[in-house]
Amino acid sequence: MVGWALNQVHGNLLDVPAHRVVNRKGELSGRNHFPDPSFMENALQQEGVLVVDSCVVDFEKHFWHPENLDKNL
């Protein structure tokens, strides 16, 4: 659903924190939708998220689910 919503963005995708959207395995599957495929990895690393081979390291640690909203504030 998030991927579909991001595809509906009519404008600059860089205005949306879309670099944080990875697939269920933690892979940077949307990296080719940015002007520079390395943008997504670089933006995540600037936020302290380690990425190796286009995949988030310790994905479980960074994973957010709306059911856990109160736990992540």
N, C-alpha and C. Protein backbone atom coordinates (compact mmCIF):
# COMPACT_ATOMS: atom_id res chain seq x y z
N MET A 1 0.82 -1.19 0.00
CA MET A 1 0.00 0.00 0.00
C MET A 1 0.87 1.26 0.00
N VAL A 2 1.94 1.25 0.77
CA VAL A 2 2.79 2.43 0.83
C VAL A 2 3.43 2.68 -0.53
N GLY A 3 3.90 1.63 -1.17
CA GLY A 3 4.48 1.77 -2.50
C GLY A 3 3.49 2.36 -3.48
N TRP A 4 2.25 1.90 -3.43
CA TRP A 4 1.21 2.43 -4.31
C TRP A 4 1.00 3.92 -4.02
N ALA A 5 0.94 4.27 -2.76
CA ALA A 5 0.73 5.67 -2.38
C ALA A 5 1.88 6.54 -2.87
N LEU A 6 3.10 6.05 -2.73
CA LEU A 6 4.25 6.83 -3.19
C LEU A 6 4.25 7.00 -4.70
N ASN A 7 3.73 6.01 -5.42
CA ASN A 7 3.63 6.14 -6.88
C ASN A 7 2.64 7.22 -7.28
N GLN A 8 1.75 7.60 -6.38
CA GLN A 8 0.76 8.63 -6.67
C GLN A 8 1.27 10.04 -6.38
N VAL A 9 2.47 10.16 -5.84
CA VAL A 9 3.04 11.47 -5.55
C VAL A 9 3.34 12.16 -6.87
N HIS A 10 2.67 13.25 -7.08
CA HIS A 10 2.88 14.01 -8.32
C HIS A 10 3.68 15.25 -7.96
N GLY A 11 4.94 15.12 -8.04
CA GLY A 11 5.84 16.20 -7.65
C GLY A 11 7.18 15.62 -7.30
N ASN A 12 7.86 16.26 -6.41
CA ASN A 12 9.20 15.86 -6.04
C ASN A 12 9.15 14.82 -4.92
N LEU A 13 9.53 13.61 -5.22
CA LEU A 13 9.54 12.55 -4.22
C LEU A 13 10.50 12.88 -3.08
N LEU A 14 11.46 13.74 -3.33
CA LEU A 14 12.41 14.10 -2.28
C LEU A 14 11.76 14.94 -1.19
N ASP A 15 10.53 15.44 -1.43
CA ASP A 15 9.79 16.18 -0.41
C ASP A 15 9.13 15.25 0.61
N VAL A 16 9.15 13.95 0.33
CA VAL A 16 8.51 12.94 1.17
C VAL A 16 9.62 12.05 1.74
N PRO A 17 9.56 11.67 3.02
CA PRO A 17 10.63 10.82 3.57
C PRO A 17 10.53 9.37 3.06
N ALA A 18 10.41 9.24 1.76
CA ALA A 18 10.23 7.93 1.14
C ALA A 18 11.46 7.05 1.25
N HIS A 19 12.60 7.64 1.57
CA HIS A 19 13.82 6.84 1.72
C HIS A 19 13.70 5.86 2.88
N ARG A 20 12.72 6.08 3.75
CA ARG A 20 12.53 5.20 4.91
C ARG A 20 11.65 3.99 4.58
N VAL A 21 11.10 3.96 3.39
CA VAL A 21 10.20 2.86 3.01
C VAL A 21 11.02 1.76 2.35
N VAL A 22 11.11 0.64 3.05
CA VAL A 22 11.82 -0.53 2.53
C VAL A 22 10.84 -1.70 2.48
N ASN A 23 11.21 -2.76 1.81
CA ASN A 23 10.28 -3.89 1.74
C ASN A 23 10.31 -4.69 3.04
N ARG A 24 9.51 -5.73 3.11
CA ARG A 24 9.34 -6.49 4.35
C ARG A 24 10.60 -7.21 4.81
N LYS A 25 11.59 -7.30 3.93
CA LYS A 25 12.86 -7.92 4.28
C LYS A 25 13.92 -6.89 4.65
N GLY A 26 13.57 -5.60 4.56
CA GLY A 26 14.54 -4.55 4.85
C GLY A 26 15.36 -4.14 3.64
N GLU A 27 14.98 -4.63 2.47
CA GLU A 27 15.72 -4.30 1.25
C GLU A 27 15.28 -2.94 0.71
N LEU A 28 16.22 -2.20 0.14
CA LEU A 28 15.93 -0.90 -0.43
C LEU A 28 15.35 -1.08 -1.83
N SER A 29 14.19 -1.68 -1.90
CA SER A 29 13.59 -2.03 -3.18
C SER A 29 13.14 -0.82 -3.98
N GLY A 30 12.98 0.34 -3.36
CA GLY A 30 12.55 1.53 -4.07
C GLY A 30 13.69 2.44 -4.51
N ARG A 31 14.92 2.00 -4.34
CA ARG A 31 16.07 2.87 -4.61
C ARG A 31 16.14 3.38 -6.04
N ASN A 32 15.61 2.63 -6.98
CA ASN A 32 15.68 3.05 -8.39
C ASN A 32 14.62 4.09 -8.75
N HIS A 33 13.78 4.44 -7.80
CA HIS A 33 12.76 5.46 -8.05
C HIS A 33 13.27 6.87 -7.71
N PHE A 34 14.48 6.95 -7.21
CA PHE A 34 15.09 8.24 -6.89
C PHE A 34 16.02 8.65 -8.03
N PRO A 35 16.28 9.95 -8.16
CA PRO A 35 17.16 10.41 -9.24
C PRO A 35 18.53 9.72 -9.21
N ASP A 36 19.03 9.43 -8.01
CA ASP A 36 20.30 8.74 -7.84
C ASP A 36 20.01 7.49 -7.00
N PRO A 37 20.26 6.29 -7.51
CA PRO A 37 19.95 5.07 -6.76
C PRO A 37 20.63 4.99 -5.39
N SER A 38 21.70 5.73 -5.18
CA SER A 38 22.37 5.70 -3.87
C SER A 38 21.76 6.68 -2.88
N PHE A 39 20.81 7.51 -3.33
CA PHE A 39 20.20 8.50 -2.44
C PHE A 39 19.56 7.84 -1.22
N MET A 40 18.82 6.79 -1.44
CA MET A 40 18.09 6.12 -0.36
C MET A 40 19.05 5.61 0.71
N GLU A 41 20.09 4.93 0.29
CA GLU A 41 21.07 4.40 1.23
C GLU A 41 21.78 5.54 1.97
N ASN A 42 22.17 6.57 1.25
CA ASN A 42 22.87 7.70 1.88
C ASN A 42 21.97 8.39 2.90
N ALA A 43 20.70 8.60 2.58
CA ALA A 43 19.78 9.26 3.50
C ALA A 43 19.57 8.42 4.76
N LEU A 44 19.44 7.12 4.60
CA LEU A 44 19.29 6.25 5.77
C LEU A 44 20.54 6.27 6.64
N GLN A 45 21.69 6.24 6.00
CA GLN A 45 22.93 6.25 6.77
C GLN A 45 23.11 7.56 7.52
N GLN A 46 22.65 8.67 6.94
CA GLN A 46 22.71 9.95 7.65
C GLN A 46 21.82 9.94 8.89
N GLU A 47 20.82 9.08 8.90
CA GLU A 47 19.93 8.94 10.06
C GLU A 47 20.42 7.87 11.02
N GLY A 48 21.59 7.30 10.75
CA GLY A 48 22.16 6.31 11.65
C GLY A 48 21.77 4.88 11.36
N VAL A 49 21.19 4.64 10.19
CA VAL A 49 20.78 3.28 9.81
C VAL A 49 21.88 2.68 8.93
N LEU A 50 22.42 1.56 9.34
CA LEU A 50 23.46 0.89 8.58
C LEU A 50 22.83 0.08 7.45
N VAL A 51 23.37 0.25 6.24
CA VAL A 51 22.88 -0.46 5.06
C VAL A 51 24.05 -1.19 4.43
N VAL A 52 23.87 -2.47 4.16
CA VAL A 52 24.89 -3.28 3.50
C VAL A 52 24.22 -4.04 2.36
N ASP A 53 24.81 -3.95 1.17
CA ASP A 53 24.26 -4.64 -0.01
C ASP A 53 22.79 -4.31 -0.21
N SER A 54 22.45 -3.02 -0.11
CA SER A 54 21.08 -2.53 -0.32
C SER A 54 20.06 -3.15 0.63
N CYS A 55 20.51 -3.46 1.85
CA CYS A 55 19.61 -4.05 2.84
C CYS A 55 19.93 -3.45 4.22
N VAL A 56 18.88 -3.11 4.96
CA VAL A 56 19.03 -2.53 6.29
C VAL A 56 19.56 -3.59 7.26
N VAL A 57 20.66 -3.27 7.92
CA VAL A 57 21.24 -4.16 8.93
C VAL A 57 20.41 -4.00 10.20
N ASP A 58 20.15 -5.10 10.89
CA ASP A 58 19.31 -5.09 12.10
C ASP A 58 17.93 -4.51 11.81
N PHE A 59 17.34 -4.98 10.73
CA PHE A 59 16.04 -4.46 10.29
C PHE A 59 14.99 -4.53 11.39
N GLU A 60 15.00 -5.60 12.18
CA GLU A 60 14.01 -5.75 13.25
C GLU A 60 14.08 -4.59 14.25
N LYS A 61 15.26 -4.07 14.46
CA LYS A 61 15.47 -2.95 15.39
C LYS A 61 14.82 -1.67 14.86
N HIS A 62 14.82 -1.48 13.55
CA HIS A 62 14.32 -0.26 12.93
C HIS A 62 12.87 -0.38 12.45
N PHE A 63 12.38 -1.59 12.38
CA PHE A 63 11.03 -1.82 11.84
C PHE A 63 9.98 -1.11 12.67
N TRP A 64 9.07 -0.45 12.00
CA TRP A 64 7.97 0.24 12.68
C TRP A 64 6.66 -0.30 12.13
N HIS A 65 5.74 -0.58 13.01
CA HIS A 65 4.42 -1.03 12.62
C HIS A 65 3.41 -0.16 13.36
N PRO A 66 2.33 0.25 12.71
CA PRO A 66 1.36 1.14 13.36
C PRO A 66 0.77 0.57 14.65
N GLU A 67 0.71 -0.75 14.79
CA GLU A 67 0.19 -1.34 16.01
C GLU A 67 1.06 -0.99 17.23
N ASN A 68 2.32 -0.63 16.96
CA ASN A 68 3.25 -0.32 18.04
C ASN A 68 3.45 1.19 18.21
N LEU A 69 2.48 1.97 17.81
CA LEU A 69 2.62 3.42 17.81
C LEU A 69 3.07 3.96 19.16
N ASP A 70 2.42 3.55 20.24
CA ASP A 70 2.76 4.07 21.55
C ASP A 70 4.17 3.69 22.00
N LYS A 71 4.67 2.55 21.53
CA LYS A 71 5.99 2.07 21.93
C LYS A 71 7.11 2.83 21.24
N ASN A 72 6.80 3.51 20.12
CA ASN A 72 7.84 4.15 19.33
C ASN A 72 7.85 5.66 19.45
N LEU A 73 7.10 6.21 20.35
CA LEU A 73 7.09 7.67 20.50
C LEU A 73 8.18 8.13 21.41
